[in-house]
Amino acid sequence: MAVVAQWLAGRIYQWMVNPRRRLPTGVLLGDVAQGNLADLEADADWDRFLRAFDDPGDSHWGPDAQFRVRLRPEPAAVQDRVMLRRNLLRQPRALDDDSAQWVVSAGIGYLRHAAG
C-alpha cells in the first residue's frame, strides 16, 4: 500500500507542476510561470510543508503527532500563515530569529522522521 501511495503522490506532484496543465482560470500553468517553473515546483514543496503546520494528524509529525507535541509554541510570525508563506517564498531572511529557528526545527524533524 505504501508503494501505491508514494506513486500516487508522485503523480499528483507531477500533475501540479505540469506546464501544460490548464488552471481553473483557463490559462496554462507554463504561461503563468513564465519560465520560472522551478520556482513553482519549490512553491509546491513549501505549500506541502505549510499544510502540515495546520494538520496535527499529518504524517510529517510522526505517529500520534509526537514530533509536533515536542515543538515549543509557534512564534507570532509562524502563526500568521499568509505572511510566513510570503516570507519563506520571497524573503526568508525577513523572518525573525525565533521564527526561523522554529521553522528549521519543524523541518529538520521531518527529515529525521522521513529517514527513519
Protein backbone atom coordinates (compact mmCIF):
# COMPACT_ATOMS: atom_id res chain seq x y z
CA MET A 1 0.00 0.00 0.00
CA ALA A 2 2.84 2.45 0.82
CA VAL A 3 4.30 1.98 -2.67
CA VAL A 4 0.95 2.85 -4.24
CA ALA A 5 0.57 5.93 -2.03
CA GLN A 6 4.10 7.05 -2.91
CA TRP A 7 3.41 6.53 -6.63
CA LEU A 8 0.13 8.44 -6.37
CA ALA A 9 1.78 11.31 -4.50
CA GLY A 10 4.44 11.50 -7.22
CA ARG A 11 1.82 11.58 -9.96
CA ILE A 12 -0.14 14.32 -8.20
CA TYR A 13 3.05 16.34 -7.77
CA GLN A 14 3.92 15.91 -11.47
CA TRP A 15 0.40 16.98 -12.43
CA MET A 16 0.63 20.05 -10.18
CA VAL A 17 3.82 21.29 -11.85
CA ASN A 18 2.93 20.25 -15.41
CA PRO A 19 3.41 23.36 -17.57
CA ARG A 20 0.59 22.16 -19.88
CA ARG A 21 -1.94 21.95 -17.02
CA ARG A 22 -4.85 24.30 -17.57
CA LEU A 23 -5.72 26.26 -14.43
CA PRO A 24 -9.34 26.98 -13.43
CA THR A 25 -8.97 30.45 -14.92
CA GLY A 26 -8.26 28.88 -18.32
CA VAL A 27 -4.56 29.81 -18.62
CA LEU A 28 -1.77 27.27 -18.77
CA LEU A 29 0.50 26.83 -15.77
CA GLY A 30 3.53 27.30 -18.04
CA ASP A 31 2.18 30.69 -19.13
CA VAL A 32 1.74 31.76 -15.51
CA ALA A 33 5.23 30.51 -14.62
CA GLN A 34 6.78 32.50 -17.50
CA GLY A 35 9.93 30.40 -17.46
CA ASN A 36 10.06 30.09 -13.67
CA LEU A 37 8.62 26.59 -13.36
CA ALA A 38 11.40 25.60 -10.96
CA ASP A 39 10.19 28.35 -8.62
CA LEU A 40 6.65 26.97 -8.84
CA GLU A 41 7.96 23.49 -8.00
CA ALA A 42 9.68 24.92 -4.94
CA ASP A 43 6.43 26.67 -4.01
CA ALA A 44 4.62 23.32 -4.14
CA ASP A 45 7.12 21.90 -1.61
CA TRP A 46 6.60 24.88 0.71
CA ASP A 47 2.83 24.51 0.33
CA ARG A 48 3.10 20.89 1.49
CA PHE A 49 5.24 21.95 4.43
CA LEU A 50 2.84 24.72 5.44
CA ARG A 51 -0.21 22.45 5.17
CA ALA A 52 1.43 20.13 7.69
CA PHE A 53 1.63 23.00 10.20
CA ASP A 54 -2.18 23.13 10.35
CA ASP A 55 -2.77 19.38 10.48
CA PRO A 56 -1.55 17.64 13.65
CA GLY A 57 -2.51 14.32 12.05
CA ASP A 58 -0.19 14.84 9.07
CA SER A 59 2.46 12.15 8.67
CA HIS A 60 5.03 14.95 8.83
CA TRP A 61 4.62 14.90 12.64
CA GLY A 62 5.10 11.15 13.08
CA PRO A 63 2.89 8.68 14.92
CA ASP A 64 0.39 10.39 17.21
CA ALA A 65 1.90 13.76 16.22
CA GLN A 66 4.68 13.12 18.72
CA PHE A 67 7.17 15.36 16.92
CA ARG A 68 4.73 18.27 16.79
CA VAL A 69 3.96 17.95 20.51
CA ARG A 70 7.67 18.30 21.32
CA LEU A 71 7.96 21.62 19.49
CA ARG A 72 7.62 24.79 21.51
CA PRO A 73 4.60 27.01 20.74
CA GLU A 74 4.66 28.76 17.38
CA PRO A 75 6.04 32.30 17.38
CA ALA A 76 3.64 35.01 16.14
CA ALA A 77 5.34 35.21 12.72
CA VAL A 78 4.75 31.47 12.24
CA GLN A 79 1.11 31.72 13.32
CA ASP A 80 0.44 34.24 10.54
CA ARG A 81 0.45 31.67 7.72
CA VAL A 82 -0.04 34.20 4.92
CA MET A 83 2.98 36.23 5.99
CA LEU A 84 5.01 33.10 6.77
CA ARG A 85 4.41 31.70 3.29
CA ARG A 86 5.26 35.04 1.71
CA ASN A 87 8.49 35.27 3.69
CA LEU A 88 9.55 31.68 3.04
CA LEU A 89 8.98 32.02 -0.71
CA ARG A 90 10.28 35.52 -1.32
CA GLN A 91 12.42 36.74 1.53
CA PRO A 92 13.24 34.10 4.15
CA ARG A 93 15.77 36.43 5.75
CA ALA A 94 12.86 38.65 6.80
CA LEU A 95 11.87 36.07 9.43
CA ASP A 96 12.94 36.95 12.94
CA ASP A 97 15.44 34.57 14.56
CA ASP A 98 12.86 32.91 16.80
CA SER A 99 10.52 32.13 13.90
CA ALA A 100 13.33 30.96 11.64
CA GLN A 101 14.58 28.59 14.35
CA TRP A 102 11.06 27.22 14.87
CA VAL A 103 10.64 26.54 11.12
CA VAL A 104 14.04 24.87 10.93
CA SER A 105 13.24 22.72 13.96
CA ALA A 106 9.96 21.64 12.39
CA GLY A 107 11.63 20.90 9.04
CA ILE A 108 14.61 19.03 10.42
CA GLY A 109 12.23 16.85 12.38
CA TYR A 110 10.57 15.92 9.09
CA LEU A 111 13.91 14.91 7.61
CA ARG A 112 14.72 12.75 10.61
CA HIS A 113 11.26 11.13 10.51
CA ALA A 114 11.45 10.51 6.75
CA ALA A 115 14.90 8.96 7.04
CA GLY A 116 13.96 6.74 9.97
